[in-house]
Amino acid sequence: MTSREQLPEIRAGIDQLDRQIVGLLSRREELVRRAGRLKTDSDAVRAPNRVEQVIGKVRTLATESGADPDVVEATYRAMIAAFIDLELRVHAGQHATGSSSGHGPEAGVPR
């Protein structure tokens, strides 16, 4: 089998993993939303010490699983930043209206 013949199989495998990853991101978002409801200010949302704790943990997990720790770290930093941005927007909107939507503020990482 040539590498060209294997490429569709590889891409199909990546597509399947992407579906799983998005499902896991959705589950993670729900957990950080729940954690975010407990946070009272933007400092608690940003939680730089917690971010570094998570980064250290996932770098270790990457090494243990044979993944490149630098790639895993970069991926997690981007993901955490996106969750923090989302939480800050929701948090600001919730406090501006003084109401709770039931979704509460989202967090970059649960504390």
Protein backbone atom coordinates (compact mmCIF):
# COMPACT_ATOMS: atom_id res chain seq x y z
CA MET A 1 0.00 0.00 0.00
CA THR A 2 1.40 3.42 -0.90
CA SER A 3 1.32 6.40 1.39
CA ARG A 4 -1.29 7.99 -0.88
CA GLU A 5 -3.57 4.99 -0.42
CA GLN A 6 -3.21 5.26 3.37
CA LEU A 7 -3.92 8.98 3.55
CA PRO A 8 -7.73 8.63 3.37
CA GLU A 9 -7.64 6.14 6.25
CA ILE A 10 -5.44 8.46 8.30
CA ARG A 11 -7.75 11.40 7.60
CA ALA A 12 -10.79 9.33 8.55
CA GLY A 13 -9.08 8.44 11.82
CA ILE A 14 -8.34 12.12 12.48
CA ASP A 15 -11.97 13.01 11.69
CA GLN A 16 -13.15 10.38 14.18
CA LEU A 17 -10.80 11.74 16.85
CA ASP A 18 -12.01 15.29 16.15
CA ARG A 19 -15.60 14.19 16.85
CA GLN A 20 -14.47 12.68 20.16
CA ILE A 21 -12.41 15.75 21.07
CA VAL A 22 -15.33 18.11 20.43
CA GLY A 23 -17.55 15.91 22.59
CA LEU A 24 -14.95 16.02 25.37
CA LEU A 25 -14.65 19.80 25.02
CA SER A 26 -18.39 20.08 25.43
CA ARG A 27 -18.22 18.02 28.63
CA ARG A 28 -15.29 20.12 29.88
CA GLU A 29 -17.20 23.32 29.13
CA GLU A 30 -20.12 22.14 31.24
CA LEU A 31 -17.79 21.45 34.16
CA VAL A 32 -16.07 24.82 33.89
CA ARG A 33 -19.47 26.52 33.65
CA ARG A 34 -20.39 24.86 36.94
CA ALA A 35 -17.09 25.91 38.52
CA GLY A 36 -17.54 29.40 37.11
CA ARG A 37 -20.84 29.83 38.91
CA LEU A 38 -18.88 29.67 42.14
CA LYS A 39 -16.44 32.44 41.17
CA THR A 40 -17.15 36.01 42.20
CA ASP A 41 -14.63 38.12 40.24
CA SER A 42 -12.35 38.21 37.22
CA ASP A 43 -9.26 37.32 39.27
CA ALA A 44 -10.91 34.05 40.24
CA VAL A 45 -11.75 33.48 36.56
CA ARG A 46 -8.17 34.01 35.39
CA ALA A 47 -6.65 31.93 38.24
CA PRO A 48 -3.05 31.97 36.92
CA ASN A 49 -1.79 29.59 39.60
CA ARG A 50 -4.45 27.04 38.65
CA VAL A 51 -3.61 27.46 34.95
CA GLU A 52 0.03 26.63 35.67
CA GLN A 53 -1.01 23.66 37.79
CA VAL A 54 -3.10 22.30 34.90
CA ILE A 55 -0.26 22.90 32.43
CA GLY A 56 2.19 20.99 34.61
CA LYS A 57 -0.28 18.12 34.94
CA VAL A 58 -0.97 17.83 31.21
CA ARG A 59 2.74 18.03 30.34
CA THR A 60 3.31 15.05 32.62
CA LEU A 61 0.37 13.20 31.08
CA ALA A 62 1.73 13.98 27.62
CA THR A 63 5.13 12.54 28.47
CA GLU A 64 3.54 9.43 29.99
CA SER A 65 1.41 8.85 26.89
CA GLY A 66 4.14 9.53 24.33
CA ALA A 67 2.75 12.87 23.15
CA ASP A 68 4.90 15.94 22.60
CA PRO A 69 4.60 17.97 25.85
CA ASP A 70 5.16 21.26 23.99
CA VAL A 71 2.28 20.56 21.61
CA VAL A 72 0.02 19.53 24.49
CA GLU A 73 0.95 22.64 26.46
CA ALA A 74 0.29 24.95 23.51
CA THR A 75 -3.06 23.24 22.88
CA TYR A 76 -4.10 23.54 26.51
CA ARG A 77 -3.01 27.16 26.80
CA ALA A 78 -5.14 28.03 23.75
CA MET A 79 -8.11 26.06 25.09
CA ILE A 80 -7.87 27.58 28.58
CA ALA A 81 -7.57 31.09 27.12
CA ALA A 82 -10.73 30.51 25.08
CA PHE A 83 -12.65 29.31 28.14
CA ILE A 84 -11.42 32.28 30.19
CA ASP A 85 -12.49 34.70 27.43
CA LEU A 86 -15.92 33.07 27.33
CA GLU A 87 -16.32 33.22 31.08
CA LEU A 88 -15.25 36.85 31.27
CA ARG A 89 -17.85 37.82 28.63
CA VAL A 90 -20.63 35.93 30.38
CA HIS A 91 -19.50 37.08 33.81
CA ALA A 92 -19.53 40.73 32.71
CA GLY A 93 -22.98 40.35 31.15
CA GLN A 94 -24.40 38.63 34.20
CA HIS A 95 -23.15 41.32 36.56
CA ALA A 96 -24.26 44.14 34.27
CA THR A 97 -27.86 42.89 34.39
CA GLY A 98 -27.73 41.57 37.92
CA SER A 99 -29.46 38.39 36.84
CA SER A 100 -28.52 34.79 36.47
CA SER A 101 -29.20 33.03 33.21
CA GLY A 102 -28.86 29.59 34.72
CA HIS A 103 -25.68 29.08 32.71
CA GLY A 104 -23.55 31.18 35.06
CA PRO A 105 -20.06 32.33 34.22
CA GLU A 106 -17.77 29.91 32.47
CA ALA A 107 -14.24 29.30 33.62
CA GLY A 108 -11.00 28.50 31.90
CA VAL A 109 -10.22 25.83 34.43
CA PRO A 110 -12.15 24.54 37.40
CA ARG A 111 -10.59 25.52 40.71
